[in-house]
Amino acid sequence: MKDSKHVLAVAVLSAAFVCQTLDLTAAGEASAGNASAMAINSQTGIDQKRLNREVKHSIEAFRKAMVEADPGVILAYSMPELSFGHSNGVVQTREQFAEVVRSKAEDFKRVELTNRRLEIVGDTAIERHHFSADIVYEGKLRNFELEVVEVWRKVDDYWRLFVRQAFKT
């Protein structure tokens, strides 16, 4: 019982740490409660804007690769461990999704991302957006209106998709 309380306390503190917003004093120093968060994500407003642009660039490159059926870009902008989840419960690896794009098993005619919300903490970015697409699937042109959450990781100076999960609302 004591161990499970300890594990729960660590999990709660970890979640609180990840969700914590930096509260900088006028002197630009982190308050004592935010010192560890400051060490992980110490970007200034200018740096944060640059990071936002970098992540959005990667997301846009991935989106365009889906429409242009370019599996090389899919591979370049995704982690080897990619978990690509569809709204029907199917989960694909990086190689499986790249093959879907290459073969046009899902022929993406149009993909639009709207209502975008991006949060960056250290080398991890989380984007939520509405995914609106026209896709030829199983021989029929279909419209998909989905919500998506994506987790991107910065590796070797590039943002790469690590997890993507779509769901119906």
N, C-alpha and C. Protein backbone atom coordinates (compact mmCIF):
# COMPACT_ATOMS: atom_id res chain seq x y z
N MET A 1 0.82 -1.19 0.00
CA MET A 1 0.00 0.00 0.00
C MET A 1 0.87 1.25 0.00
N LYS A 2 1.92 1.23 0.79
CA LYS A 2 2.81 2.38 0.88
C LYS A 2 3.47 2.64 -0.48
N ASP A 3 3.91 1.56 -1.18
CA ASP A 3 4.54 1.71 -2.49
C ASP A 3 3.56 2.27 -3.51
N SER A 4 2.31 1.81 -3.50
CA SER A 4 1.34 2.31 -4.47
C SER A 4 1.03 3.78 -4.22
N LYS A 5 1.01 4.22 -2.96
CA LYS A 5 0.80 5.64 -2.67
C LYS A 5 1.98 6.46 -3.19
N HIS A 6 3.19 5.90 -3.04
CA HIS A 6 4.38 6.60 -3.52
C HIS A 6 4.34 6.73 -5.05
N VAL A 7 3.99 5.64 -5.74
CA VAL A 7 3.90 5.66 -7.20
C VAL A 7 2.84 6.65 -7.65
N LEU A 8 1.70 6.67 -6.98
CA LEU A 8 0.62 7.60 -7.31
C LEU A 8 1.09 9.04 -7.10
N ALA A 9 1.77 9.30 -6.00
CA ALA A 9 2.26 10.65 -5.71
C ALA A 9 3.25 11.10 -6.79
N VAL A 10 4.15 10.21 -7.21
CA VAL A 10 5.11 10.55 -8.25
C VAL A 10 4.38 10.82 -9.56
N ALA A 11 3.38 10.02 -9.89
CA ALA A 11 2.62 10.23 -11.13
C ALA A 11 1.89 11.56 -11.11
N VAL A 12 1.28 11.90 -9.99
CA VAL A 12 0.56 13.17 -9.87
C VAL A 12 1.53 14.34 -9.99
N LEU A 13 2.66 14.25 -9.30
CA LEU A 13 3.66 15.31 -9.38
C LEU A 13 4.22 15.44 -10.79
N SER A 14 4.45 14.32 -11.47
CA SER A 14 4.95 14.36 -12.84
C SER A 14 3.95 15.03 -13.77
N ALA A 15 2.68 14.68 -13.62
CA ALA A 15 1.63 15.29 -14.45
C ALA A 15 1.53 16.78 -14.16
N ALA A 16 1.61 17.15 -12.90
CA ALA A 16 1.53 18.56 -12.54
C ALA A 16 2.73 19.32 -13.12
N PHE A 17 3.90 18.69 -13.09
CA PHE A 17 5.11 19.31 -13.62
C PHE A 17 4.96 19.58 -15.12
N VAL A 18 4.46 18.59 -15.87
CA VAL A 18 4.31 18.74 -17.31
C VAL A 18 3.30 19.83 -17.63
N CYS A 19 2.23 19.92 -16.86
CA CYS A 19 1.17 20.88 -17.14
C CYS A 19 1.44 22.26 -16.57
N GLN A 20 2.46 22.39 -15.75
CA GLN A 20 2.73 23.65 -15.07
C GLN A 20 3.08 24.76 -16.06
N THR A 21 2.53 25.94 -15.86
CA THR A 21 2.84 27.11 -16.67
C THR A 21 3.90 27.92 -15.97
N LEU A 22 4.87 28.41 -16.75
CA LEU A 22 5.93 29.22 -16.16
C LEU A 22 5.38 30.55 -15.68
N ASP A 23 5.76 30.92 -14.48
CA ASP A 23 5.34 32.19 -13.89
C ASP A 23 6.62 32.95 -13.53
N LEU A 24 7.08 33.77 -14.46
CA LEU A 24 8.35 34.46 -14.26
C LEU A 24 8.13 35.75 -13.50
N THR A 25 9.07 36.06 -12.65
CA THR A 25 9.01 37.32 -11.90
C THR A 25 9.46 38.45 -12.82
N ALA A 26 9.27 39.68 -12.39
CA ALA A 26 9.65 40.84 -13.20
C ALA A 26 11.14 40.83 -13.50
N ALA A 27 11.93 40.27 -12.60
CA ALA A 27 13.39 40.21 -12.80
C ALA A 27 13.77 39.13 -13.79
N GLY A 28 12.78 38.32 -14.25
CA GLY A 28 13.06 37.28 -15.23
C GLY A 28 13.53 35.99 -14.61
N GLU A 29 13.41 35.86 -13.29
CA GLU A 29 13.83 34.64 -12.65
C GLU A 29 12.60 33.77 -12.40
N ALA A 30 12.79 32.47 -12.45
CA ALA A 30 11.69 31.56 -12.19
C ALA A 30 11.42 31.51 -10.70
N SER A 31 10.15 31.43 -10.34
CA SER A 31 9.82 31.24 -8.93
C SER A 31 10.28 29.85 -8.51
N ALA A 32 10.40 29.63 -7.21
CA ALA A 32 10.93 28.36 -6.71
C ALA A 32 10.12 27.17 -7.22
N GLY A 33 8.81 27.30 -7.32
CA GLY A 33 7.96 26.19 -7.78
C GLY A 33 8.13 25.89 -9.25
N ASN A 34 8.69 26.81 -10.02
CA ASN A 34 8.82 26.62 -11.45
C ASN A 34 10.26 26.40 -11.90
N ALA A 35 11.18 26.30 -10.97
CA ALA A 35 12.59 26.20 -11.33
C ALA A 35 12.85 25.00 -12.23
N SER A 36 12.27 23.84 -11.92
CA SER A 36 12.53 22.67 -12.75
C SER A 36 11.87 22.81 -14.11
N ALA A 37 10.69 23.42 -14.18
CA ALA A 37 10.04 23.65 -15.47
C ALA A 37 10.88 24.61 -16.30
N MET A 38 11.46 25.59 -15.64
CA MET A 38 12.29 26.57 -16.34
C MET A 38 13.48 25.87 -16.98
N ALA A 39 14.05 24.89 -16.31
CA ALA A 39 15.22 24.19 -16.85
C ALA A 39 14.85 23.44 -18.12
N ILE A 40 13.63 22.92 -18.20
CA ILE A 40 13.22 22.15 -19.37
C ILE A 40 12.78 23.05 -20.51
N ASN A 41 12.08 24.14 -20.25
CA ASN A 41 11.53 24.97 -21.30
C ASN A 41 11.81 26.43 -21.00
N SER A 42 13.04 26.85 -21.22
CA SER A 42 13.47 28.19 -20.85
C SER A 42 13.45 29.16 -22.01
N GLN A 43 12.64 28.88 -23.06
CA GLN A 43 12.62 29.75 -24.21
C GLN A 43 12.00 31.10 -23.87
N THR A 44 12.55 32.14 -24.51
CA THR A 44 11.94 33.46 -24.43
C THR A 44 10.77 33.48 -25.38
N GLY A 45 10.01 34.56 -25.39
CA GLY A 45 8.89 34.69 -26.33
C GLY A 45 9.34 34.52 -27.77
N ILE A 46 10.51 35.10 -28.10
CA ILE A 46 11.04 34.98 -29.46
C ILE A 46 11.39 33.54 -29.77
N ASP A 47 12.05 32.86 -28.83
CA ASP A 47 12.40 31.45 -29.03
C ASP A 47 11.15 30.60 -29.18
N GLN A 48 10.12 30.89 -28.39
CA GLN A 48 8.88 30.12 -28.46
C GLN A 48 8.23 30.29 -29.83
N LYS A 49 8.26 31.49 -30.38
CA LYS A 49 7.70 31.72 -31.71
C LYS A 49 8.48 30.93 -32.76
N ARG A 50 9.80 30.89 -32.60
CA ARG A 50 10.63 30.12 -33.54
C ARG A 50 10.28 28.64 -33.45
N LEU A 51 10.15 28.12 -32.23
CA LEU A 51 9.78 26.72 -32.05
C LEU A 51 8.41 26.43 -32.67
N ASN A 52 7.46 27.34 -32.45
CA ASN A 52 6.13 27.16 -33.04
C ASN A 52 6.23 27.07 -34.56
N ARG A 53 7.03 27.96 -35.17
CA ARG A 53 7.19 27.93 -36.63
C ARG A 53 7.82 26.61 -37.07
N GLU A 54 8.82 26.15 -36.34
CA GLU A 54 9.49 24.89 -36.71
C GLU A 54 8.52 23.71 -36.67
N VAL A 55 7.74 23.62 -35.60
CA VAL A 55 6.79 22.52 -35.46
C VAL A 55 5.74 22.61 -36.56
N LYS A 56 5.20 23.81 -36.76
CA LYS A 56 4.16 23.98 -37.80
C LYS A 56 4.71 23.65 -39.18
N HIS A 57 5.98 23.97 -39.43
CA HIS A 57 6.61 23.61 -40.71
C HIS A 57 6.61 22.09 -40.89
N SER A 58 6.98 21.36 -39.85
CA SER A 58 7.02 19.90 -39.93
C SER A 58 5.62 19.32 -40.14
N ILE A 59 4.64 19.87 -39.42
CA ILE A 59 3.26 19.40 -39.57
C ILE A 59 2.77 19.65 -40.99
N GLU A 60 3.09 20.82 -41.53
CA GLU A 60 2.67 21.15 -42.90
C GLU A 60 3.37 20.25 -43.92
N ALA A 61 4.65 19.97 -43.73
CA ALA A 61 5.38 19.07 -44.64
C ALA A 61 4.75 17.68 -44.63
N PHE A 62 4.38 17.20 -43.44
CA PHE A 62 3.75 15.88 -43.32
C PHE A 62 2.39 15.88 -44.02
N ARG A 63 1.60 16.95 -43.80
CA ARG A 63 0.28 17.06 -44.43
C ARG A 63 0.41 17.04 -45.95
N LYS A 64 1.33 17.85 -46.48
CA LYS A 64 1.53 17.91 -47.93
C LYS A 64 2.00 16.56 -48.48
N ALA A 65 2.83 15.85 -47.73
CA ALA A 65 3.31 14.54 -48.18
C ALA A 65 2.16 13.55 -48.32
N MET A 66 1.15 13.68 -47.46
CA MET A 66 -0.02 12.81 -47.57
C MET A 66 -0.74 13.08 -48.89
N VAL A 67 -0.95 14.35 -49.22
CA VAL A 67 -1.68 14.73 -50.43
C VAL A 67 -0.85 14.43 -51.68
N GLU A 68 0.45 14.65 -51.60
CA GLU A 68 1.33 14.43 -52.75
C GLU A 68 1.83 13.00 -52.87
N ALA A 69 1.38 12.13 -51.97
CA ALA A 69 1.77 10.71 -51.97
C ALA A 69 3.28 10.54 -51.98
N ASP A 70 3.95 11.21 -51.01
CA ASP A 70 5.41 11.19 -50.93
C ASP A 70 5.86 10.45 -49.67
N PRO A 71 6.08 9.14 -49.79
CA PRO A 71 6.46 8.37 -48.60
C PRO A 71 7.83 8.77 -48.04
N GLY A 72 8.72 9.32 -48.87
CA GLY A 72 10.03 9.76 -48.38
C GLY A 72 9.90 10.86 -47.35
N VAL A 73 8.99 11.80 -47.58
CA VAL A 73 8.77 12.88 -46.62
C VAL A 73 8.09 12.33 -45.37
N ILE A 74 7.17 11.41 -45.55
CA ILE A 74 6.52 10.77 -44.39
C ILE A 74 7.59 10.14 -43.50
N LEU A 75 8.52 9.42 -44.10
CA LEU A 75 9.59 8.77 -43.33
C LEU A 75 10.52 9.80 -42.70
N ALA A 76 10.84 10.87 -43.43
CA ALA A 76 11.76 11.89 -42.92
C ALA A 76 11.18 12.65 -41.74
N TYR A 77 9.86 12.86 -41.72
CA TYR A 77 9.23 13.66 -40.67
C TYR A 77 8.53 12.80 -39.62
N SER A 78 8.94 11.55 -39.49
CA SER A 78 8.36 10.69 -38.45
C SER A 78 9.45 9.89 -37.75
N MET A 79 9.15 9.53 -36.52
CA MET A 79 10.08 8.73 -35.72
C MET A 79 10.00 7.27 -36.17
N PRO A 80 11.07 6.51 -36.04
CA PRO A 80 11.00 5.08 -36.36
C PRO A 80 9.93 4.35 -35.54
N GLU A 81 9.65 4.85 -34.34
CA GLU A 81 8.68 4.20 -33.44
C GLU A 81 7.26 4.74 -33.63
N LEU A 82 7.01 5.46 -34.73
CA LEU A 82 5.71 6.09 -34.94
C LEU A 82 4.54 5.15 -34.67
N SER A 83 3.56 5.66 -33.95
CA SER A 83 2.28 4.99 -33.75
C SER A 83 1.23 5.89 -34.40
N PHE A 84 0.68 5.44 -35.53
CA PHE A 84 -0.25 6.25 -36.32
C PHE A 84 -1.64 5.65 -36.19
N GLY A 85 -2.45 6.25 -35.32
CA GLY A 85 -3.77 5.71 -35.01
C GLY A 85 -4.88 6.37 -35.81
N HIS A 86 -5.72 5.53 -36.38
CA HIS A 86 -6.87 5.99 -37.15
C HIS A 86 -8.13 5.98 -36.29
N SER A 87 -9.14 6.70 -36.73
CA SER A 87 -10.38 6.80 -35.94
C SER A 87 -11.15 5.48 -35.86
N ASN A 88 -10.86 4.54 -36.75
CA ASN A 88 -11.54 3.24 -36.71
C ASN A 88 -10.82 2.22 -35.82
N GLY A 89 -9.77 2.66 -35.14
CA GLY A 89 -9.04 1.78 -34.23
C GLY A 89 -7.79 1.16 -34.82
N VAL A 90 -7.60 1.27 -36.12
CA VAL A 90 -6.39 0.73 -36.75
C VAL A 90 -5.19 1.58 -36.34
N VAL A 91 -4.11 0.90 -35.96
CA VAL A 91 -2.87 1.59 -35.60
C VAL A 91 -1.78 1.04 -36.52
N GLN A 92 -1.07 1.97 -37.17
CA GLN A 92 -0.03 1.58 -38.11
C GLN A 92 1.34 2.04 -37.62
N THR A 93 2.36 1.31 -38.07
CA THR A 93 3.75 1.72 -37.85
C THR A 93 4.11 2.78 -38.90
N ARG A 94 5.27 3.33 -38.75
CA ARG A 94 5.77 4.31 -39.72
C ARG A 94 5.82 3.70 -41.11
N GLU A 95 6.38 2.51 -41.22
CA GLU A 95 6.52 1.86 -42.52
C GLU A 95 5.16 1.52 -43.13
N GLN A 96 4.22 1.09 -42.30
CA GLN A 96 2.89 0.77 -42.81
C GLN A 96 2.19 2.01 -43.35
N PHE A 97 2.27 3.13 -42.62
CA PHE A 97 1.61 4.33 -43.11
C PHE A 97 2.30 4.87 -44.36
N ALA A 98 3.63 4.83 -44.40
CA ALA A 98 4.35 5.28 -45.60
C ALA A 98 3.94 4.45 -46.81
N GLU A 99 3.72 3.15 -46.62
CA GLU A 99 3.29 2.28 -47.72
C GLU A 99 1.86 2.63 -48.15
N VAL A 100 0.98 2.95 -47.22
CA VAL A 100 -0.38 3.39 -47.56
C VAL A 100 -0.33 4.63 -48.44
N VAL A 101 0.54 5.57 -48.07
CA VAL A 101 0.70 6.81 -48.85
C VAL A 101 1.27 6.49 -50.22
N ARG A 102 2.33 5.67 -50.27
CA ARG A 102 2.99 5.33 -51.53
C ARG A 102 2.04 4.62 -52.49
N SER A 103 1.32 3.64 -51.99
CA SER A 103 0.44 2.81 -52.83
C SER A 103 -0.90 3.48 -53.13
N LYS A 104 -1.17 4.57 -52.44
CA LYS A 104 -2.45 5.28 -52.54
C LYS A 104 -3.63 4.39 -52.14
N ALA A 105 -3.36 3.47 -51.20
CA ALA A 105 -4.45 2.68 -50.62
C ALA A 105 -5.46 3.63 -49.97
N GLU A 106 -4.95 4.73 -49.47
CA GLU A 106 -5.77 5.87 -49.06
C GLU A 106 -5.23 7.04 -49.88
N ASP A 107 -5.98 7.45 -50.87
CA ASP A 107 -5.54 8.51 -51.79
C ASP A 107 -6.06 9.85 -51.29
N PHE A 108 -5.20 10.59 -50.63
CA PHE A 108 -5.57 11.87 -50.01
C PHE A 108 -5.70 12.94 -51.09
N LYS A 109 -6.94 13.33 -51.40
CA LYS A 109 -7.19 14.36 -52.40
C LYS A 109 -7.11 15.75 -51.79
N ARG A 110 -7.53 15.88 -50.54
CA ARG A 110 -7.51 17.16 -49.84
C ARG A 110 -7.37 16.87 -48.36
N VAL A 111 -6.48 17.62 -47.69
CA VAL A 111 -6.33 17.54 -46.23
C VAL A 111 -6.20 18.96 -45.71
N GLU A 112 -7.11 19.34 -44.82
CA GLU A 112 -7.05 20.65 -44.18
C GLU A 112 -7.02 20.45 -42.67
N LEU A 113 -6.18 21.23 -42.00
CA LEU A 113 -6.08 21.21 -40.55
C LEU A 113 -6.55 22.56 -40.02
N THR A 114 -7.57 22.53 -39.18
CA THR A 114 -8.11 23.77 -38.62
C THR A 114 -8.24 23.63 -37.10
N ASN A 115 -8.60 24.74 -36.47
CA ASN A 115 -8.77 24.77 -35.01
C ASN A 115 -7.54 24.19 -34.32
N ARG A 116 -6.39 24.66 -34.73
CA ARG A 116 -5.12 24.11 -34.25
C ARG A 116 -4.73 24.70 -32.91
N ARG A 117 -4.27 23.82 -32.02
CA ARG A 117 -3.77 24.21 -30.70
C ARG A 117 -2.45 23.50 -30.47
N LEU A 118 -1.41 24.28 -30.26
CA LEU A 118 -0.06 23.74 -30.14
C LEU A 118 0.54 24.10 -28.79
N GLU A 119 1.13 23.10 -28.13
CA GLU A 119 1.81 23.30 -26.85
C GLU A 119 3.18 22.65 -26.96
N ILE A 120 4.22 23.38 -26.59
CA ILE A 120 5.59 22.86 -26.67
C ILE A 120 6.21 22.90 -25.29
N VAL A 121 6.76 21.76 -24.88
CA VAL A 121 7.49 21.66 -23.62
C VAL A 121 8.79 20.94 -23.93
N GLY A 122 9.89 21.67 -23.84
CA GLY A 122 11.19 21.07 -24.12
C GLY A 122 11.27 20.57 -25.55
N ASP A 123 11.59 19.29 -25.72
CA ASP A 123 11.71 18.71 -27.05
C ASP A 123 10.46 17.95 -27.49
N THR A 124 9.33 18.26 -26.84
CA THR A 124 8.07 17.60 -27.16
C THR A 124 7.01 18.65 -27.49
N ALA A 125 6.28 18.39 -28.56
CA ALA A 125 5.19 19.29 -28.96
C ALA A 125 3.92 18.45 -29.10
N ILE A 126 2.81 19.02 -28.65
CA ILE A 126 1.51 18.37 -28.79
C ILE A 126 0.62 19.30 -29.59
N GLU A 127 0.12 18.79 -30.70
CA GLU A 127 -0.84 19.57 -31.49
C GLU A 127 -2.15 18.83 -31.54
N ARG A 128 -3.21 19.58 -31.30
CA ARG A 128 -4.58 19.09 -31.50
C ARG A 128 -5.16 19.91 -32.63
N HIS A 129 -5.91 19.25 -33.53
CA HIS A 129 -6.54 19.98 -34.62
C HIS A 129 -7.73 19.21 -35.17
N HIS A 130 -8.53 19.93 -35.94
CA HIS A 130 -9.61 19.30 -36.69
C HIS A 130 -9.02 18.90 -38.04
N PHE A 131 -9.27 17.67 -38.45
CA PHE A 131 -8.76 17.10 -39.70
C PHE A 131 -9.94 16.95 -40.64
N SER A 132 -9.93 17.70 -41.73
CA SER A 132 -10.98 17.62 -42.75
C SER A 132 -10.31 17.14 -44.02
N ALA A 133 -10.78 16.02 -44.58
CA ALA A 133 -10.10 15.46 -45.74
C ALA A 133 -11.07 14.77 -46.68
N ASP A 134 -10.71 14.81 -47.96
CA ASP A 134 -11.37 14.02 -48.99
C ASP A 134 -10.38 12.96 -49.39
N ILE A 135 -10.78 11.71 -49.19
CA ILE A 135 -9.86 10.59 -49.41
C ILE A 135 -10.57 9.51 -50.22
N VAL A 136 -9.89 9.02 -51.26
CA VAL A 136 -10.41 7.86 -51.97
C VAL A 136 -9.98 6.65 -51.14
N TYR A 137 -10.98 5.98 -50.57
CA TYR A 137 -10.75 4.85 -49.68
C TYR A 137 -11.67 3.71 -50.11
N GLU A 138 -11.08 2.55 -50.36
CA GLU A 138 -11.82 1.39 -50.84
C GLU A 138 -12.60 1.74 -52.11
N GLY A 139 -11.96 2.52 -53.00
CA GLY A 139 -12.55 2.85 -54.29
C GLY A 139 -13.59 3.95 -54.30
N LYS A 140 -13.88 4.54 -53.15
CA LYS A 140 -14.91 5.58 -53.08
C LYS A 140 -14.33 6.85 -52.48
N LEU A 141 -14.72 8.00 -53.05
CA LEU A 141 -14.32 9.28 -52.49
C LEU A 141 -15.16 9.52 -51.23
N ARG A 142 -14.47 9.70 -50.12
CA ARG A 142 -15.14 9.90 -48.84
C ARG A 142 -14.61 11.16 -48.16
N ASN A 143 -15.49 11.78 -47.40
CA ASN A 143 -15.09 12.94 -46.61
C ASN A 143 -14.92 12.50 -45.17
N PHE A 144 -13.82 12.92 -44.56
CA PHE A 144 -13.55 12.61 -43.17
C PHE A 144 -13.47 13.91 -42.38
N GLU A 145 -14.21 13.98 -41.29
CA GLU A 145 -14.17 15.11 -40.36
C GLU A 145 -13.82 14.52 -39.00
N LEU A 146 -12.57 14.71 -38.57
CA LEU A 146 -12.06 14.06 -37.38
C LEU A 146 -11.32 15.06 -36.49
N GLU A 147 -11.16 14.69 -35.25
CA GLU A 147 -10.26 15.41 -34.34
C GLU A 147 -9.00 14.57 -34.23
N VAL A 148 -7.87 15.25 -34.12
CA VAL A 148 -6.57 14.55 -34.09
C VAL A 148 -5.70 15.15 -32.99
N VAL A 149 -4.98 14.29 -32.31
CA VAL A 149 -3.92 14.73 -31.41
C VAL A 149 -2.62 14.11 -31.91
N GLU A 150 -1.59 14.94 -32.00
CA GLU A 150 -0.29 14.48 -32.45
C GLU A 150 0.78 14.87 -31.43
N VAL A 151 1.75 13.99 -31.26
CA VAL A 151 2.90 14.27 -30.41
C VAL A 151 4.12 14.26 -31.32
N TRP A 152 4.85 15.38 -31.29
CA TRP A 152 6.05 15.55 -32.09
C TRP A 152 7.25 15.65 -31.17
N ARG A 153 8.38 15.08 -31.59
CA ARG A 153 9.62 15.13 -30.80
C ARG A 153 10.71 15.78 -31.63
N LYS A 154 11.51 16.61 -30.99
CA LYS A 154 12.64 17.22 -31.69
C LYS A 154 13.85 16.32 -31.52
N VAL A 155 14.34 15.81 -32.64
CA VAL A 155 15.49 14.90 -32.66
C VAL A 155 16.44 15.39 -33.74
N ASP A 156 17.69 15.57 -33.38
CA ASP A 156 18.71 16.04 -34.34
C ASP A 156 18.26 17.32 -35.05
N ASP A 157 17.72 18.26 -34.28
CA ASP A 157 17.29 19.57 -34.80
C ASP A 157 16.07 19.52 -35.71
N TYR A 158 15.37 18.39 -35.80
CA TYR A 158 14.17 18.28 -36.62
C TYR A 158 13.01 17.78 -35.78
N TRP A 159 11.82 18.31 -36.04
CA TRP A 159 10.60 17.85 -35.37
C TRP A 159 10.04 16.69 -36.16
N ARG A 160 9.82 15.57 -35.45
CA ARG A 160 9.33 14.35 -36.09
C ARG A 160 8.10 13.83 -35.35
N LEU A 161 7.14 13.33 -36.13
CA LEU A 161 5.90 12.80 -35.56
C LEU A 161 6.19 11.51 -34.82
N PHE A 162 5.75 11.43 -33.57
CA PHE A 162 5.97 10.28 -32.71
C PHE A 162 4.66 9.50 -32.52
N VAL A 163 3.57 10.22 -32.26
CA VAL A 163 2.26 9.59 -32.04
C VAL A 163 1.20 10.44 -32.72
N ARG A 164 0.28 9.79 -33.40
CA ARG A 164 -0.86 10.47 -33.99
C ARG A 164 -2.09 9.61 -33.72
N GLN A 165 -3.14 10.23 -33.19
CA GLN A 165 -4.38 9.50 -32.95
C GLN A 165 -5.55 10.35 -33.41
N ALA A 166 -6.35 9.80 -34.31
CA ALA A 166 -7.57 10.45 -34.78
C ALA A 166 -8.76 9.85 -34.06
N PHE A 167 -9.80 10.66 -33.87
CA PHE A 167 -11.02 10.16 -33.25
C PHE A 167 -12.22 10.95 -33.75
N LYS A 168 -13.37 10.29 -33.70
CA LYS A 168 -14.62 10.92 -34.12
C LYS A 168 -15.23 11.63 -32.92
N THR A 169 -15.90 12.75 -33.19
CA THR A 169 -16.59 13.46 -32.11
C THR A 169 -18.08 13.26 -32.21
